[in-house]
C-alpha cells in the first residue's frame, strides 16, 4: 500500500491489541514473510488497513491453534485469505469500517442523537458478542487512535468511551443477574488494580462471560490487591480476572498477587501483551488480545486449569 487508504487505519499497537499478536511478532512477520506490509505515516510510523487487521486476526487465531505462520501467510499472499466464508460479516469490511468512523465522528462532535441512531443501525440483529467484536471494540480503539494521532482531544475521546460504556452496561443489565439456563456454571471476580482506571475491558469481559453463563462480580477499577484477596476469601469464586491497561507498577502488582492462592488468576489488557512471560512466572495466566479472542481464551484456559487441578465441571 503506497499511500493512505480511504478506510480507517491502525497503529501497530492497535493491531496488536486487536489480534493478540505482539508488536514484535508483527514486525517479524513483515520482515520474514512480507506480510503485513504497512504504509508509513508522515512521522514514519507503521499504519495498517482494516482489511489487514481482519486477515491478521484470523492468522493469529490459527497460529495459536498450531498452524505454521509461514504456511498461513503464503496461502494468504496467493489469494487464499484465511477468513472462512461463514465468518465474514454481512457488510463488507469497508462498509463496516466507515460505519464505525461515522459513529466516532458523531460522538466526538457532540451529536449524541445521531450517534445513537447509527449505533442502533450498526448493531441491529447482532448478538452481544458480535456487538463487542464488530462495533464497540473497534469504535473504542478508533477513538483512542484519533487521540493518539492528535486528531481529537481528551474530552472527545472521553465522550466516546462514556457512550460505549453505557451501551455495555445496558447489555449487561439485559442479561440479568442469572443466565437464562438457570444457575451460573462458574463465578468470577473482575476488575482493575490500584492506579488503573480503565473500565472498558472489564465491562467487555463481564458481558462476554455473563453471556457464556458465568456469574460476574465486577469490582470496577483502581482497587488494591488486598481488596481482591478479601473478596475471594468471602465469596470463594472460581476465578479472578484483572485488566492491566497501564504498565506502571505492574511488577509490583504481580508480586502482590502471589498472596492469592487456590484459583486461577487471569491477566488481560493492553500491557499484558508485553509482560506475558513475567505474568506466567508469577503464576498468572495471561490473556492477551481483543475481547473476541481473550474471552474464549479465558474459558479454554479455565477448563485446562480445572482439569489440571482435578475439578469437576459445573456446567
Protein backbone atom coordinates (compact mmCIF):
# COMPACT_ATOMS: atom_id res chain seq x y z
CA UNK A 1 0.00 0.00 0.00
CA UNK A 2 1.73 3.12 -1.18
CA UNK A 3 -0.49 5.73 0.34
CA UNK A 4 -3.12 6.11 2.98
CA UNK A 5 -6.35 4.31 2.07
CA UNK A 6 -9.79 5.79 2.48
CA UNK A 7 -10.62 3.41 5.29
CA UNK A 8 -9.67 3.76 8.93
CA UNK A 9 -6.07 2.83 9.61
CA UNK A 10 -4.44 1.45 12.76
CA UNK A 11 -1.11 1.79 14.54
CA UNK A 12 0.91 -1.33 15.27
CA UNK A 13 -0.10 -1.05 18.95
CA UNK A 14 -3.78 -1.08 17.98
CA UNK A 15 -3.25 -4.03 15.63
CA UNK A 16 -1.51 -5.89 18.44
CA UNK A 17 -4.45 -5.27 20.75
CA UNK A 18 -7.00 -6.33 18.13
CA UNK A 19 -5.20 -9.51 17.09
CA UNK A 20 -3.38 -10.70 20.22
CA UNK A 21 -0.09 -10.84 18.30
CA UNK A 22 2.76 -8.88 19.86
CA UNK A 23 4.22 -5.84 18.10
CA UNK A 24 7.49 -7.76 17.80
CA UNK A 25 5.74 -10.71 16.09
CA UNK A 26 4.01 -8.42 13.59
CA UNK A 27 7.35 -6.78 12.69
CA UNK A 28 8.98 -10.21 12.29
CA UNK A 29 6.17 -11.41 10.01
CA UNK A 30 6.59 -8.29 7.89
CA UNK A 31 10.35 -8.73 7.61
CA UNK A 32 10.45 -12.50 7.18
CA UNK A 33 7.29 -13.27 5.19
CA UNK A 34 6.38 -9.97 3.54
CA UNK A 35 3.03 -9.61 5.29
CA UNK A 36 1.61 -7.38 6.54
CA UNK A 37 3.24 -4.55 4.59
CA UNK A 38 2.11 -1.31 6.22
CA UNK A 39 2.41 2.14 4.78
CA UNK A 40 4.22 4.81 6.72
CA UNK A 41 2.74 7.93 8.24
CA UNK A 42 4.42 11.29 7.76
CA UNK A 43 6.26 10.70 11.03
CA UNK A 44 7.47 7.29 9.79
CA UNK A 45 5.20 5.09 11.95
CA UNK A 46 3.60 1.92 10.61
CA UNK A 47 -0.09 2.16 9.70
CA UNK A 48 -2.30 -0.83 8.85
CA UNK A 49 -5.61 -1.07 6.98
CA UNK A 50 -8.78 -2.60 8.37
CA UNK A 51 -8.54 -5.36 5.77
CA UNK A 52 -5.05 -6.25 7.03
CA UNK A 53 -6.36 -6.36 10.60
CA UNK A 54 -9.13 -8.79 9.61
CA UNK A 55 -6.59 -11.09 7.98
CA UNK A 56 -4.19 -10.83 10.91
CA UNK A 57 -6.93 -11.65 13.42
CA UNK A 58 -7.61 -14.96 11.69
CA UNK A 59 -3.93 -15.67 11.07
CA UNK A 60 -3.14 -15.06 14.75
CA UNK A 61 -6.03 -17.30 15.80
CA UNK A 62 -4.81 -20.13 13.60
CA UNK A 63 -1.22 -19.68 14.80
CA UNK A 64 -2.48 -20.13 18.37
CA UNK A 65 -4.22 -23.31 17.18
CA UNK A 66 -0.86 -24.65 16.00
CA UNK A 67 -0.69 -23.86 12.27
CA UNK A 68 2.69 -22.60 10.93
CA UNK A 69 2.77 -18.86 10.35
CA UNK A 70 4.74 -19.21 7.11
CA UNK A 71 2.11 -21.53 5.67
CA UNK A 72 -0.74 -19.20 6.61
CA UNK A 73 0.86 -16.08 5.16
CA UNK A 74 1.91 -17.93 1.99
CA UNK A 75 -1.69 -19.03 1.45
CA UNK A 76 -2.96 -15.51 2.05
CA UNK A 77 -0.49 -13.97 -0.39
CA UNK A 78 -1.56 -16.26 -3.25
CA UNK A 79 -5.18 -15.32 -2.83
CA UNK A 80 -6.40 -17.78 -0.23
CA UNK A 81 -7.48 -15.48 2.60
CA UNK A 82 -7.68 -17.23 5.98
CA UNK A 83 -11.13 -15.85 6.73
CA UNK A 84 -13.74 -18.58 6.33
CA UNK A 85 -16.77 -17.61 4.28
CA UNK A 86 -19.14 -18.14 7.18
CA UNK A 87 -17.04 -15.86 9.39
CA UNK A 88 -17.28 -12.85 7.08
CA UNK A 89 -19.63 -10.07 8.24
CA UNK A 90 -22.72 -9.35 6.18
CA UNK A 91 -21.29 -5.93 5.41
CA UNK A 92 -18.03 -5.52 3.53
CA UNK A 93 -15.02 -4.53 5.68
CA UNK A 94 -15.08 -1.06 4.16
CA UNK A 95 -18.78 -0.56 4.88
CA UNK A 96 -18.35 -1.67 8.48
CA UNK A 97 -15.23 0.44 8.89
CA UNK A 98 -16.88 3.55 7.50
CA UNK A 99 -19.83 2.98 9.83
CA UNK A 100 -17.51 2.87 12.85
CA UNK A 101 -15.76 6.00 11.61
CA UNK A 102 -19.05 7.88 11.26
CA UNK A 103 -20.12 6.76 14.72
CA UNK A 104 -16.94 8.16 16.25
CA UNK A 105 -17.34 11.35 14.16
CA UNK A 106 -20.84 11.96 15.53
CA UNK A 107 -19.78 11.35 19.11
CA UNK A 108 -16.64 13.49 19.18
CA UNK A 109 -18.67 16.32 17.61
CA UNK A 110 -21.24 16.04 20.39
CA UNK A 111 -24.10 14.76 18.22
CA UNK A 112 -25.24 12.00 20.55
CA UNK A 113 -28.66 11.65 18.93
CA UNK A 114 -27.16 10.88 15.52
CA UNK A 115 -24.55 8.66 17.16
CA UNK A 116 -27.21 6.68 18.98
CA UNK A 117 -29.25 6.22 15.80
CA UNK A 118 -26.21 5.00 13.87
CA UNK A 119 -25.21 2.67 16.71
CA UNK A 120 -28.66 1.09 16.64
CA UNK A 121 -28.31 0.54 12.91
CA UNK A 122 -24.85 -0.98 13.21
CA UNK A 123 -25.94 -3.36 15.96
CA UNK A 124 -29.34 -4.38 14.59
CA UNK A 125 -29.81 -8.16 14.56
CA UNK A 126 -26.44 -8.73 16.25
CA UNK A 127 -25.90 -10.68 19.44
CA UNK A 128 -23.94 -9.29 22.40
CA UNK A 129 -20.63 -10.93 21.45
CA UNK A 130 -20.95 -9.79 17.83
CA UNK A 131 -21.59 -6.24 19.02
CA UNK A 132 -18.44 -6.41 21.15
CA UNK A 133 -16.29 -7.66 18.30
CA UNK A 134 -17.63 -5.62 15.39
CA UNK A 135 -18.83 -2.32 16.89
CA UNK A 136 -17.87 -1.50 20.46
CA UNK A 137 -14.29 -2.81 20.41
CA UNK A 138 -13.34 -1.21 17.07
CA UNK A 139 -15.05 2.09 17.98
CA UNK A 140 -13.20 2.27 21.30
CA UNK A 141 -9.88 1.64 19.58
CA UNK A 142 -10.63 4.13 16.81
CA UNK A 143 -11.36 6.84 19.39
CA UNK A 144 -8.07 6.09 21.13
CA UNK A 145 -6.22 6.10 17.83
CA UNK A 146 -7.58 9.53 16.94
CA UNK A 147 -6.45 10.88 20.28
CA UNK A 148 -3.00 9.30 19.79
CA UNK A 149 -2.71 10.92 16.34
CA UNK A 150 -3.82 14.24 17.90
CA UNK A 151 -6.90 14.31 15.71
CA UNK A 152 -9.13 14.69 18.76
CA UNK A 153 -8.87 15.99 22.32
CA UNK A 154 -9.09 14.09 25.59
CA UNK A 155 -12.64 15.26 26.23
CA UNK A 156 -13.70 13.95 22.82
CA UNK A 157 -12.13 10.54 23.44
CA UNK A 158 -13.88 10.54 26.82
CA UNK A 159 -17.35 11.16 25.36
CA UNK A 160 -16.90 8.17 23.04
CA UNK A 161 -15.79 5.98 25.95
CA UNK A 162 -18.72 7.05 28.10
CA UNK A 163 -21.18 6.37 25.27
CA UNK A 164 -19.80 2.87 24.67
CA UNK A 165 -19.62 2.19 28.39
CA UNK A 166 -23.32 2.97 28.78
CA UNK A 167 -24.16 0.64 25.91
CA UNK A 168 -22.21 -2.16 27.59
CA UNK A 169 -23.90 -1.55 30.92
CA UNK A 170 -27.34 -1.73 29.27
CA UNK A 171 -26.48 -5.04 27.59
CA UNK A 172 -25.12 -6.45 30.84
CA UNK A 173 -28.29 -5.43 32.66
CA UNK A 174 -30.44 -7.05 29.97
CA UNK A 175 -28.66 -10.34 30.51
CA UNK A 176 -29.93 -10.21 34.08
CA UNK A 177 -28.33 -11.36 37.26
CA UNK A 178 -28.68 -15.02 36.36
CA UNK A 179 -28.33 -16.72 32.95
CA UNK A 180 -31.47 -17.92 31.20
CA UNK A 181 -30.32 -21.52 31.60
CA UNK A 182 -30.56 -21.25 35.38
CA UNK A 183 -27.76 -21.41 37.91
CA UNK A 184 -24.43 -19.95 36.68
CA UNK A 185 -21.81 -22.54 35.83
CA UNK A 186 -18.99 -20.54 37.42
CA UNK A 187 -18.35 -17.35 39.39
CA UNK A 188 -15.58 -14.89 38.54
CA UNK A 189 -14.39 -11.65 40.15
CA UNK A 190 -13.22 -9.00 37.66
CA UNK A 191 -11.71 -5.52 37.91
CA UNK A 192 -8.52 -3.49 37.61
CA UNK A 193 -5.65 -2.99 40.02
CA UNK A 194 -4.71 0.08 42.01
CA UNK A 195 -3.84 3.00 39.73
CA UNK A 196 -5.62 1.62 36.65
CA UNK A 197 -8.94 3.35 35.95
CA UNK A 198 -9.74 1.91 32.51
CA UNK A 199 -13.16 0.26 32.74
CA UNK A 200 -13.79 -0.66 29.10
CA UNK A 201 -12.02 -4.02 29.06
CA UNK A 202 -13.60 -5.03 32.37
CA UNK A 203 -17.10 -4.32 31.06
CA UNK A 204 -16.48 -6.11 27.77
CA UNK A 205 -15.18 -9.20 29.55
CA UNK A 206 -18.09 -9.06 32.01
CA UNK A 207 -20.59 -9.05 29.16
CA UNK A 208 -18.83 -11.91 27.37
CA UNK A 209 -18.70 -14.10 30.48
CA UNK A 210 -22.29 -13.36 31.53
CA UNK A 211 -23.37 -14.30 28.03
CA UNK A 212 -21.39 -17.54 28.46
CA UNK A 213 -23.34 -18.34 31.64
CA UNK A 214 -20.95 -17.18 34.35
CA UNK A 215 -21.83 -15.11 37.41
CA UNK A 216 -19.65 -12.00 37.23
CA UNK A 217 -18.70 -9.98 40.31
CA UNK A 218 -17.46 -6.71 38.82
CA UNK A 219 -15.48 -4.70 41.38
CA UNK A 220 -14.72 -1.86 38.98
CA UNK A 221 -11.41 -0.05 38.76
CA UNK A 222 -8.47 1.16 40.86
CA UNK A 223 -8.69 -1.43 43.62
CA UNK A 224 -5.79 -2.61 45.82
CA UNK A 225 -4.89 -6.29 45.61
CA UNK A 226 -5.77 -6.79 49.28
CA UNK A 227 -9.42 -6.00 48.47
CA UNK A 228 -9.48 -8.75 45.84
CA UNK A 229 -7.88 -11.06 48.39
CA UNK A 230 -10.66 -10.29 50.91
CA UNK A 231 -13.37 -10.67 48.26
CA UNK A 232 -12.06 -14.09 47.29
CA UNK A 233 -11.99 -15.25 50.91
CA UNK A 234 -15.58 -14.06 51.41
CA UNK A 235 -17.22 -15.13 48.13
CA UNK A 236 -15.00 -18.09 47.14
CA UNK A 237 -15.26 -17.54 43.37
CA UNK A 238 -13.89 -19.92 40.76
CA UNK A 239 -11.55 -17.38 39.15
CA UNK A 240 -10.18 -13.85 39.21
CA UNK A 241 -9.63 -11.73 36.08
CA UNK A 242 -7.77 -8.41 36.15
CA UNK A 243 -7.19 -5.87 33.40
CA UNK A 244 -3.76 -4.23 33.10
CA UNK A 245 -4.04 -1.35 30.66
CA UNK A 246 -1.16 0.56 32.28
CA UNK A 247 2.28 -0.96 32.82
CA UNK A 248 3.13 1.35 35.71
CA UNK A 249 3.94 -0.73 38.83
CA UNK A 250 2.93 -3.91 37.01
CA UNK A 251 5.79 -5.96 38.52
CA UNK A 252 4.78 -4.80 42.00
CA UNK A 253 1.18 -5.84 41.34
CA UNK A 254 2.31 -9.26 40.10
CA UNK A 255 4.23 -9.76 43.34
CA UNK A 256 1.20 -8.75 45.40
CA UNK A 257 -0.94 -11.27 43.54
CA UNK A 258 1.30 -14.07 44.80
CA UNK A 259 -0.66 -13.73 48.06
CA UNK A 260 -3.78 -15.14 46.38
CA UNK A 261 -3.87 -18.92 46.11
CA UNK A 262 -6.31 -21.65 45.16
CA UNK A 263 -7.86 -20.28 41.99
CA UNK A 264 -6.68 -19.20 38.54
CA UNK A 265 -5.84 -15.52 38.10
CA UNK A 266 -6.24 -14.24 34.54
CA UNK A 267 -4.33 -11.14 33.47
CA UNK A 268 -5.57 -9.27 30.40
CA UNK A 269 -5.38 -5.78 28.95
CA UNK A 270 -3.03 -3.92 26.67
CA UNK A 271 0.06 -4.12 28.92
CA UNK A 272 -0.09 -7.90 29.18
CA UNK A 273 0.99 -8.21 25.54
CA UNK A 274 4.50 -7.19 26.64
CA UNK A 275 4.52 -8.96 30.03
CA UNK A 276 3.20 -12.44 29.26
CA UNK A 277 6.34 -14.31 30.32
CA UNK A 278 6.64 -12.30 33.55
CA UNK A 279 2.97 -12.91 34.33
CA UNK A 280 3.41 -16.66 33.95
CA UNK A 281 6.47 -16.61 36.20
CA UNK A 282 4.23 -15.11 38.88
CA UNK A 283 1.62 -17.82 38.49
CA UNK A 284 -0.80 -15.72 36.42
CA UNK A 285 -2.48 -16.82 33.19
CA UNK A 286 -2.01 -14.11 30.52
CA UNK A 287 -4.98 -13.45 28.24
CA UNK A 288 -3.69 -11.10 25.53
CA UNK A 289 -5.57 -9.64 22.61
CA UNK A 290 -9.00 -8.25 21.88
CA UNK A 291 -12.10 -9.47 23.69
CA UNK A 292 -13.06 -11.58 20.67
CA UNK A 293 -10.00 -13.71 21.44
CA UNK A 294 -9.43 -13.02 25.14
CA UNK A 295 -12.90 -14.13 26.25
CA UNK A 296 -12.83 -17.54 24.53
CA UNK A 297 -9.20 -17.99 25.56
CA UNK A 298 -10.12 -17.40 29.21
CA UNK A 299 -12.79 -20.08 29.03
CA UNK A 300 -10.37 -22.52 27.41
CA UNK A 301 -7.60 -21.75 29.89
CA UNK A 302 -10.01 -22.17 32.79
CA UNK A 303 -11.04 -25.64 31.64
CA UNK A 304 -7.38 -26.61 31.28
CA UNK A 305 -6.68 -25.31 34.80
CA UNK A 306 -9.72 -27.13 36.18
CA UNK A 307 -8.64 -30.43 34.62
CA UNK A 308 -5.09 -30.00 35.88
CA UNK A 309 -6.45 -29.38 39.35
CA UNK A 310 -8.98 -32.22 39.04
CA UNK A 311 -12.06 -30.02 39.42
CA UNK A 312 -15.35 -31.31 38.11
CA UNK A 313 -17.34 -29.32 35.59
CA UNK A 314 -20.28 -27.31 36.93
CA UNK A 315 -21.78 -26.78 33.51
